[in-house]
């Protein structure tokens, strides 16, 4: 099955070390720009389904601001308790100065 990319936002809306939340086909998505790379992940923590938008990003991980669960931005893997389930990751690309995400 071919992935269908959707426009998410302009590239300059997610500067270095920045993040932006939005929806793609109704799915809450968080795009993070860290270490010179864009990542697209679920904007919702797998632990208690709280938003990750205010989470701190360090070392290619995002930390849930509510309970401190951490997730790998590349793989979605839960890196510490209380989360045990991964978050979804999505393919991301840049086309004509727009960030596009496939959900």
N, C-alpha and C. Protein backbone atom coordinates (compact mmCIF):
# COMPACT_ATOMS: atom_id res chain seq x y z
N UNK A 1 0.84 -1.18 0.00
CA UNK A 1 0.00 0.00 0.00
C UNK A 1 0.89 1.25 0.00
N UNK A 2 0.59 2.18 -0.85
CA UNK A 2 1.36 3.41 -0.97
C UNK A 2 0.95 4.38 0.13
N UNK A 3 1.96 4.99 0.75
CA UNK A 3 1.68 5.98 1.79
C UNK A 3 1.26 7.27 1.14
N UNK A 4 0.28 7.92 1.74
CA UNK A 4 -0.19 9.20 1.24
C UNK A 4 0.25 10.30 2.19
N UNK A 5 1.08 11.19 1.69
CA UNK A 5 1.56 12.30 2.50
C UNK A 5 0.57 13.45 2.44
N UNK A 6 0.43 14.13 3.58
CA UNK A 6 -0.44 15.29 3.68
C UNK A 6 0.40 16.48 4.14
N UNK A 7 0.09 17.66 3.64
CA UNK A 7 0.77 18.86 4.12
C UNK A 7 0.46 19.06 5.59
N UNK A 8 1.51 19.39 6.34
CA UNK A 8 1.36 19.60 7.78
C UNK A 8 1.53 21.07 8.13
N UNK A 9 2.67 21.65 7.74
CA UNK A 9 2.94 23.06 7.98
C UNK A 9 4.15 23.49 7.17
N UNK A 10 4.39 24.79 7.14
CA UNK A 10 5.58 25.30 6.47
C UNK A 10 6.82 24.90 7.27
N UNK A 11 7.93 24.69 6.59
CA UNK A 11 9.18 24.29 7.24
C UNK A 11 9.58 25.28 8.33
N UNK A 12 9.44 26.57 8.07
CA UNK A 12 9.87 27.56 9.06
C UNK A 12 8.98 27.63 10.29
N UNK A 13 7.87 26.89 10.31
CA UNK A 13 7.00 26.83 11.49
C UNK A 13 7.58 25.90 12.56
N UNK A 14 8.59 25.11 12.18
CA UNK A 14 9.24 24.19 13.14
C UNK A 14 10.75 24.44 13.08
N UNK A 15 11.20 25.51 13.76
CA UNK A 15 12.63 25.83 13.72
C UNK A 15 13.47 24.80 14.48
N UNK A 16 14.77 24.90 14.38
CA UNK A 16 15.66 24.00 15.11
C UNK A 16 15.28 23.99 16.58
N UNK A 17 15.22 22.79 17.15
CA UNK A 17 14.84 22.56 18.54
C UNK A 17 13.39 22.95 18.85
N UNK A 18 12.58 23.03 17.80
CA UNK A 18 11.17 23.37 17.98
C UNK A 18 10.27 22.18 17.72
N UNK A 19 8.99 22.38 17.99
CA UNK A 19 8.00 21.35 17.71
C UNK A 19 6.66 22.02 17.39
N UNK A 20 5.83 21.29 16.69
CA UNK A 20 4.52 21.82 16.33
C UNK A 20 3.52 20.66 16.30
N UNK A 21 2.38 20.90 16.94
CA UNK A 21 1.31 19.90 16.96
C UNK A 21 0.24 20.26 15.95
N UNK A 22 -0.41 19.24 15.45
CA UNK A 22 -1.51 19.44 14.52
C UNK A 22 -2.20 18.11 14.28
N UNK A 23 -3.07 18.08 13.31
CA UNK A 23 -3.77 16.84 12.96
C UNK A 23 -3.55 16.52 11.49
N UNK A 24 -3.39 15.25 11.22
CA UNK A 24 -3.30 14.76 9.85
C UNK A 24 -4.37 13.68 9.72
N UNK A 25 -5.33 13.93 8.85
CA UNK A 25 -6.46 13.01 8.69
C UNK A 25 -7.11 12.67 10.03
N UNK A 26 -7.23 13.68 10.91
CA UNK A 26 -7.87 13.49 12.20
C UNK A 26 -6.98 12.92 13.29
N UNK A 27 -5.76 12.55 12.95
CA UNK A 27 -4.82 11.96 13.91
C UNK A 27 -3.95 13.05 14.51
N UNK A 28 -3.86 13.13 15.86
CA UNK A 28 -2.98 14.13 16.47
C UNK A 28 -1.51 13.78 16.25
N UNK A 29 -0.78 14.71 15.64
CA UNK A 29 0.62 14.49 15.26
C UNK A 29 1.48 15.61 15.85
N UNK A 30 2.68 15.25 16.27
CA UNK A 30 3.65 16.22 16.74
C UNK A 30 4.89 16.10 15.87
N UNK A 31 5.28 17.20 15.23
CA UNK A 31 6.50 17.23 14.44
C UNK A 31 7.57 17.93 15.27
N UNK A 32 8.73 17.28 15.38
CA UNK A 32 9.83 17.78 16.21
C UNK A 32 11.06 17.96 15.32
N UNK A 33 11.74 19.09 15.48
CA UNK A 33 12.98 19.37 14.76
C UNK A 33 14.12 19.35 15.77
N UNK A 34 14.90 18.27 15.78
CA UNK A 34 16.00 18.17 16.72
C UNK A 34 17.19 17.49 16.06
N UNK A 35 18.37 17.91 16.43
CA UNK A 35 19.60 17.35 15.89
C UNK A 35 19.64 17.41 14.35
N UNK A 36 19.02 18.46 13.78
CA UNK A 36 19.04 18.65 12.34
C UNK A 36 18.12 17.72 11.57
N UNK A 37 17.19 17.08 12.26
CA UNK A 37 16.29 16.13 11.60
C UNK A 37 14.86 16.35 12.08
N UNK A 38 13.91 16.09 11.17
CA UNK A 38 12.50 16.18 11.51
C UNK A 38 11.96 14.80 11.87
N UNK A 39 11.16 14.76 12.93
CA UNK A 39 10.50 13.53 13.36
C UNK A 39 9.02 13.82 13.48
N UNK A 40 8.19 12.85 13.13
CA UNK A 40 6.74 12.96 13.31
C UNK A 40 6.29 11.78 14.16
N UNK A 41 5.63 12.10 15.27
CA UNK A 41 5.17 11.07 16.21
C UNK A 41 3.74 11.39 16.64
N UNK A 42 3.14 10.44 17.31
CA UNK A 42 1.83 10.70 17.91
C UNK A 42 1.98 11.83 18.91
N UNK A 43 1.02 12.72 18.95
CA UNK A 43 1.05 13.84 19.90
C UNK A 43 0.48 13.43 21.25
N UNK A 44 0.16 12.13 21.39
CA UNK A 44 -0.49 11.65 22.60
C UNK A 44 0.35 10.56 23.25
N UNK A 45 0.59 10.70 24.55
CA UNK A 45 1.35 9.72 25.33
C UNK A 45 0.58 8.40 25.40
N UNK A 46 1.28 7.30 25.31
CA UNK A 46 0.63 5.99 25.37
C UNK A 46 0.28 5.58 26.80
N UNK A 47 0.77 6.29 27.78
CA UNK A 47 0.53 5.94 29.17
C UNK A 47 -0.89 6.30 29.62
N UNK A 48 -1.26 7.56 29.53
CA UNK A 48 -2.61 7.97 29.92
C UNK A 48 -3.26 8.88 28.89
N UNK A 49 -2.78 8.80 27.67
CA UNK A 49 -3.36 9.53 26.55
C UNK A 49 -3.42 11.04 26.79
N UNK A 50 -2.35 11.58 27.38
CA UNK A 50 -2.21 13.03 27.56
C UNK A 50 -1.32 13.57 26.45
N UNK A 51 -1.50 14.83 26.12
CA UNK A 51 -0.74 15.41 25.01
C UNK A 51 0.74 15.60 25.36
N UNK A 52 1.59 15.34 24.36
CA UNK A 52 3.04 15.49 24.51
C UNK A 52 3.54 16.85 24.04
N UNK A 53 2.64 17.72 23.63
CA UNK A 53 3.05 18.99 23.01
C UNK A 53 3.93 19.86 23.91
N UNK A 54 3.75 19.79 25.21
CA UNK A 54 4.58 20.58 26.14
C UNK A 54 5.78 19.78 26.64
N UNK A 55 6.00 18.60 26.07
CA UNK A 55 7.09 17.74 26.52
C UNK A 55 8.46 18.28 26.15
N UNK A 56 9.44 17.98 27.00
CA UNK A 56 10.82 18.40 26.75
C UNK A 56 11.48 17.41 25.78
N UNK A 57 12.26 17.94 24.85
CA UNK A 57 12.97 17.11 23.88
C UNK A 57 14.46 17.18 24.19
N UNK A 58 15.08 16.00 24.34
CA UNK A 58 16.53 15.88 24.56
C UNK A 58 16.99 14.54 24.06
N UNK A 59 18.16 14.53 23.43
CA UNK A 59 18.78 13.28 22.99
C UNK A 59 17.83 12.39 22.19
N UNK A 60 17.09 13.01 21.26
CA UNK A 60 16.14 12.29 20.39
C UNK A 60 15.06 11.57 21.18
N UNK A 61 14.70 12.13 22.33
CA UNK A 61 13.60 11.61 23.16
C UNK A 61 12.68 12.76 23.52
N UNK A 62 11.40 12.43 23.69
CA UNK A 62 10.45 13.40 24.20
C UNK A 62 9.93 12.87 25.54
N UNK A 63 9.82 13.77 26.51
CA UNK A 63 9.36 13.41 27.84
C UNK A 63 7.94 13.92 28.04
N UNK A 64 7.05 13.06 28.47
CA UNK A 64 5.67 13.45 28.76
C UNK A 64 5.70 14.43 29.94
N UNK A 65 5.06 15.59 29.78
CA UNK A 65 5.10 16.58 30.85
C UNK A 65 4.28 16.19 32.08
N UNK A 66 3.43 15.21 31.96
CA UNK A 66 2.56 14.84 33.08
C UNK A 66 3.22 13.85 34.04
N UNK A 67 3.72 12.73 33.52
CA UNK A 67 4.27 11.68 34.38
C UNK A 67 5.74 11.34 34.11
N UNK A 68 6.37 12.00 33.14
CA UNK A 68 7.79 11.78 32.90
C UNK A 68 8.15 10.61 32.01
N UNK A 69 7.18 9.95 31.41
CA UNK A 69 7.49 8.86 30.46
C UNK A 69 8.28 9.44 29.30
N UNK A 70 9.22 8.68 28.78
CA UNK A 70 10.04 9.14 27.66
C UNK A 70 9.88 8.21 26.47
N UNK A 71 9.93 8.81 25.29
CA UNK A 71 9.77 8.05 24.05
C UNK A 71 10.87 8.42 23.07
N UNK A 72 11.39 7.43 22.37
CA UNK A 72 12.38 7.62 21.32
C UNK A 72 11.67 8.23 20.11
N UNK A 73 12.15 9.36 19.62
CA UNK A 73 11.49 10.03 18.50
C UNK A 73 11.63 9.26 17.19
N UNK A 74 12.68 8.46 17.06
CA UNK A 74 12.88 7.69 15.83
C UNK A 74 11.99 6.46 15.75
N UNK A 75 11.88 5.75 16.86
CA UNK A 75 11.18 4.47 16.87
C UNK A 75 9.84 4.48 17.60
N UNK A 76 9.63 5.50 18.44
CA UNK A 76 8.42 5.55 19.26
C UNK A 76 8.50 4.71 20.52
N UNK A 77 9.61 3.98 20.69
CA UNK A 77 9.76 3.08 21.83
C UNK A 77 9.65 3.83 23.16
N UNK A 78 8.91 3.22 24.11
CA UNK A 78 8.84 3.75 25.47
C UNK A 78 10.17 3.48 26.14
N UNK A 79 10.82 4.52 26.63
CA UNK A 79 12.17 4.40 27.18
C UNK A 79 12.19 4.26 28.70
N UNK A 80 11.10 4.61 29.37
CA UNK A 80 11.06 4.47 30.83
C UNK A 80 9.61 4.46 31.31
N UNK A 81 9.44 3.95 32.51
CA UNK A 81 8.13 3.92 33.14
C UNK A 81 7.68 5.34 33.46
N UNK A 82 6.41 5.60 33.50
CA UNK A 82 5.33 4.64 33.60
C UNK A 82 4.83 4.10 32.25
N UNK A 83 5.32 4.60 31.14
CA UNK A 83 4.87 4.09 29.84
C UNK A 83 5.53 2.76 29.52
N UNK A 84 4.76 1.84 28.99
CA UNK A 84 5.28 0.55 28.56
C UNK A 84 5.01 0.30 27.08
N UNK A 85 4.08 1.05 26.51
CA UNK A 85 3.74 0.90 25.10
C UNK A 85 4.37 2.03 24.29
N UNK A 86 4.76 1.75 23.06
CA UNK A 86 5.34 2.80 22.21
C UNK A 86 4.27 3.78 21.73
N UNK A 87 4.73 4.90 21.19
CA UNK A 87 3.83 5.82 20.49
C UNK A 87 4.06 5.62 19.00
N UNK A 88 3.09 5.99 18.21
CA UNK A 88 3.21 5.85 16.76
C UNK A 88 4.23 6.84 16.21
N UNK A 89 4.94 6.40 15.20
CA UNK A 89 5.84 7.29 14.46
C UNK A 89 5.34 7.34 13.02
N UNK A 90 5.60 8.44 12.36
CA UNK A 90 5.10 8.62 11.00
C UNK A 90 6.23 9.10 10.10
N UNK A 91 6.13 8.72 8.85
CA UNK A 91 7.12 9.17 7.87
C UNK A 91 6.91 10.65 7.62
N UNK A 92 8.01 11.38 7.51
CA UNK A 92 7.96 12.82 7.30
C UNK A 92 8.91 13.19 6.17
N UNK A 93 8.54 14.19 5.40
CA UNK A 93 9.40 14.66 4.32
C UNK A 93 9.15 16.15 4.11
N UNK A 94 10.05 16.78 3.38
CA UNK A 94 9.91 18.20 3.03
C UNK A 94 9.77 18.31 1.52
N UNK A 95 8.72 19.00 1.08
CA UNK A 95 8.49 19.22 -0.34
C UNK A 95 8.12 20.69 -0.52
N UNK A 96 8.90 21.39 -1.32
CA UNK A 96 8.62 22.81 -1.62
C UNK A 96 8.41 23.64 -0.36
N UNK A 97 9.31 23.50 0.61
CA UNK A 97 9.26 24.24 1.86
C UNK A 97 8.05 23.93 2.74
N UNK A 98 7.43 22.79 2.50
CA UNK A 98 6.33 22.31 3.34
C UNK A 98 6.71 20.98 3.98
N UNK A 99 6.37 20.82 5.24
CA UNK A 99 6.55 19.53 5.91
C UNK A 99 5.31 18.71 5.61
N UNK A 100 5.54 17.48 5.14
CA UNK A 100 4.43 16.57 4.85
C UNK A 100 4.60 15.33 5.71
N UNK A 101 3.47 14.78 6.17
CA UNK A 101 3.48 13.61 7.06
C UNK A 101 2.54 12.56 6.47
N UNK A 102 2.97 11.31 6.54
CA UNK A 102 2.12 10.18 6.12
C UNK A 102 1.62 9.47 7.37
N UNK A 103 0.32 9.48 7.57
CA UNK A 103 -0.28 8.81 8.74
C UNK A 103 -1.01 7.58 8.28
